[in-house]
Amino acid sequence: MESSNNLRELMQSGVDFFTIVISKDEIEQEDISKPMNILNQLLTDATVTKYFKERVEIIVDGYNNQGEELWEISEVRDYVNKLDGEFPYWLFFLSKHGTGLMVILKCQLLPYLNPEADKNINGPRLQDYLLKRGFPAMNMLCKIIEDTEKENFEMSERVFNYITGS
């Protein structure tokens, strides 16, 4: 997607979902420019923002035969955190049915912890991320597109259900 009209063209064509693919090459080069070009288009105006609410998936390609989970691979974690530093709106845009949001969230946590340490360390880390970054960004966009409090609450519920596997 090169021009800023691509998402608007997708809307006009009736597409109801799209996937951003991040390649292993982009990760190794630490180049976030392509996904950021697309992600920034989601913020061009309230109509585009509203249309693509929870209609985006993000995947990382090229690590399919690794023994580790994506969030356990240091270069993937670094890349995702660099991307997150520029774009905090994952809870708003990413589907609650795919794996992309979980990868983004797990990259905020420490890998390789035993279950007790995961609960004691990563539980508070996730809560901190959600309360200080994820939900404020989501709420800001909900306000911009004039979602009702009920719509905002329902999306928050979908986030919690996604995270807990409910």
Protein backbone atom coordinates (compact mmCIF):
# COMPACT_ATOMS: atom_id res chain seq x y z
CA MET A 1 0.00 0.00 0.00
CA GLU A 2 1.80 3.05 -1.18
CA SER A 3 -0.72 5.87 -1.49
CA SER A 4 -2.76 7.29 1.33
CA ASN A 5 -5.94 6.45 -0.58
CA ASN A 6 -5.55 2.69 -0.34
CA LEU A 7 -7.61 2.19 2.81
CA ARG A 8 -10.34 4.43 1.46
CA GLU A 9 -10.30 2.36 -1.75
CA LEU A 10 -10.58 -0.81 0.34
CA MET A 11 -13.57 0.68 2.15
CA GLN A 12 -15.25 1.61 -1.13
CA SER A 13 -14.67 -1.89 -2.51
CA GLY A 14 -16.49 -3.34 0.48
CA VAL A 15 -13.57 -5.19 2.05
CA ASP A 16 -14.38 -5.83 5.66
CA PHE A 17 -11.03 -7.07 6.94
CA PHE A 18 -7.37 -6.82 6.04
CA THR A 19 -4.08 -8.26 7.20
CA ILE A 20 -0.75 -6.50 7.61
CA VAL A 21 2.12 -8.90 6.98
CA ILE A 22 5.50 -8.14 8.50
CA SER A 23 8.36 -10.07 6.94
CA LYS A 24 11.38 -11.54 8.64
CA ASP A 25 13.49 -9.27 6.43
CA GLU A 26 11.71 -6.15 7.78
CA ILE A 27 12.29 -7.39 11.32
CA GLU A 28 15.98 -8.12 10.71
CA GLN A 29 16.42 -4.66 9.16
CA GLU A 30 14.38 -3.10 11.98
CA ASP A 31 12.34 -1.33 9.28
CA ILE A 32 8.88 -0.36 10.52
CA SER A 33 8.16 2.01 7.62
CA LYS A 34 5.84 -0.28 5.60
CA PRO A 35 3.54 -1.30 8.43
CA MET A 36 3.59 2.26 9.79
CA ASN A 37 2.53 3.59 6.39
CA ILE A 38 -0.55 1.37 6.57
CA LEU A 39 -1.20 1.91 10.28
CA ASN A 40 -0.98 5.68 9.93
CA GLN A 41 -3.64 5.54 7.20
CA LEU A 42 -6.02 4.12 9.80
CA LEU A 43 -5.80 7.46 11.57
CA THR A 44 -6.34 9.74 8.56
CA ASP A 45 -9.93 10.58 9.43
CA ALA A 46 -12.77 9.39 11.65
CA THR A 47 -14.55 7.59 8.79
CA VAL A 48 -11.53 5.39 8.04
CA THR A 49 -10.84 4.89 11.74
CA LYS A 50 -14.40 3.80 12.45
CA TYR A 51 -14.63 1.54 9.41
CA PHE A 52 -11.55 -0.49 10.33
CA LYS A 53 -12.32 -0.80 14.06
CA GLU A 54 -11.47 -4.42 14.98
CA ARG A 55 -11.05 -5.30 11.28
CA VAL A 56 -7.27 -5.58 11.07
CA GLU A 57 -4.96 -8.51 11.69
CA ILE A 58 -1.20 -8.33 11.89
CA ILE A 59 1.03 -11.31 11.27
CA VAL A 60 4.75 -11.98 11.27
CA ASP A 61 5.98 -14.16 8.43
CA GLY A 62 9.26 -16.02 8.18
CA TYR A 63 9.46 -17.61 11.62
CA ASN A 64 7.10 -20.50 10.95
CA ASN A 65 9.62 -23.27 11.65
CA GLN A 66 11.07 -21.79 14.84
CA GLY A 67 10.77 -23.75 18.04
CA GLU A 68 9.95 -20.59 19.96
CA GLU A 69 6.77 -18.55 20.05
CA LEU A 70 7.04 -15.24 18.19
CA TRP A 71 7.10 -13.23 21.43
CA GLU A 72 10.03 -15.30 22.66
CA ILE A 73 12.24 -14.28 19.72
CA SER A 74 14.24 -11.22 20.75
CA GLU A 75 14.33 -9.55 17.31
CA VAL A 76 10.54 -9.96 16.97
CA ARG A 77 10.03 -8.53 20.46
CA ASP A 78 12.30 -5.58 19.68
CA TYR A 79 10.51 -4.92 16.39
CA VAL A 80 7.04 -5.11 17.93
CA ASN A 81 8.10 -2.80 20.75
CA LYS A 82 9.53 -0.32 18.23
CA LEU A 83 6.23 -0.47 16.31
CA ASP A 84 4.27 -0.10 19.54
CA GLY A 85 6.31 2.97 20.38
CA GLU A 86 4.86 4.64 17.28
CA PHE A 87 1.36 3.13 17.28
CA PRO A 88 -0.50 2.32 20.52
CA TYR A 89 -3.94 1.64 18.96
CA TRP A 90 -3.84 -2.17 18.81
CA LEU A 91 -6.83 -2.76 21.10
CA PHE A 92 -8.99 -0.62 18.85
CA PHE A 93 -7.99 -1.89 15.42
CA LEU A 94 -6.87 -5.49 15.81
CA SER A 95 -9.29 -8.36 15.54
CA LYS A 96 -10.11 -10.23 18.71
CA HIS A 97 -10.22 -13.49 16.70
CA GLY A 98 -6.68 -13.71 15.32
CA THR A 99 -3.29 -14.08 16.94
CA GLY A 100 -1.82 -10.66 16.13
CA LEU A 101 -3.09 -8.86 19.20
CA MET A 102 -1.78 -11.61 21.47
CA VAL A 103 1.67 -11.33 19.87
CA ILE A 104 1.66 -7.56 20.42
CA LEU A 105 0.59 -7.97 24.05
CA LYS A 106 2.98 -10.83 24.85
CA CYS A 107 5.90 -8.83 23.44
CA GLN A 108 5.27 -6.39 26.30
CA LEU A 109 5.90 -9.19 28.81
CA LEU A 110 8.91 -11.22 29.89
CA PRO A 111 9.35 -14.57 28.15
CA TYR A 112 10.41 -17.89 29.65
CA LEU A 113 8.87 -17.45 33.09
CA ASN A 114 7.46 -20.31 35.11
CA PRO A 115 3.70 -20.11 35.77
CA GLU A 116 4.09 -18.49 39.20
CA ALA A 117 6.56 -15.86 37.98
CA ASP A 118 4.38 -15.27 34.92
CA LYS A 119 1.43 -14.52 37.18
CA ASN A 120 3.42 -12.39 39.64
CA ILE A 121 5.54 -10.48 37.12
CA ASN A 122 3.72 -10.51 33.80
CA GLY A 123 0.25 -10.11 35.29
CA PRO A 124 1.09 -6.65 36.68
CA ARG A 125 3.10 -5.79 33.53
CA LEU A 126 0.12 -6.56 31.31
CA GLN A 127 -2.22 -4.63 33.59
CA ASP A 128 0.15 -1.66 33.53
CA TYR A 129 0.39 -1.77 29.72
CA LEU A 130 -3.38 -1.97 29.33
CA LEU A 131 -4.17 0.77 31.84
CA LYS A 132 -1.43 3.22 30.82
CA ARG A 133 -1.20 2.61 27.07
CA GLY A 134 -3.69 0.22 25.50
CA PHE A 135 -7.01 1.39 26.93
CA PRO A 136 -6.23 5.13 26.89
CA ALA A 137 -5.35 4.87 23.17
CA MET A 138 -8.47 2.79 22.48
CA ASN A 139 -10.68 5.18 24.45
CA MET A 140 -9.28 8.19 22.61
CA LEU A 141 -10.21 6.69 19.24
CA CYS A 142 -13.64 5.67 20.53
CA LYS A 143 -14.19 9.29 21.49
CA ILE A 144 -13.01 10.55 18.10
CA ILE A 145 -15.40 8.28 16.21
CA GLU A 146 -18.14 9.12 18.73
CA ASP A 147 -18.74 5.60 19.98
CA THR A 148 -21.22 5.43 22.82
CA GLU A 149 -20.10 4.43 26.30
CA LYS A 150 -21.88 1.13 25.72
CA GLU A 151 -19.93 0.47 22.50
CA ASN A 152 -16.68 1.34 24.25
CA PHE A 153 -17.53 -0.93 27.19
CA GLU A 154 -18.43 -3.79 24.82
CA MET A 155 -15.11 -3.46 23.02
CA SER A 156 -13.30 -3.46 26.37
CA GLU A 157 -15.17 -6.66 27.23
CA ARG A 158 -14.03 -8.22 23.94
CA VAL A 159 -10.43 -7.30 24.83
CA PHE A 160 -10.73 -8.94 28.26
CA ASN A 161 -12.41 -12.03 26.79
CA TYR A 162 -9.67 -12.27 24.16
CA ILE A 163 -6.89 -12.02 26.74
CA THR A 164 -8.48 -14.51 29.13
CA GLY A 165 -9.64 -16.88 26.39
CA SER A 166 -13.27 -16.56 27.49
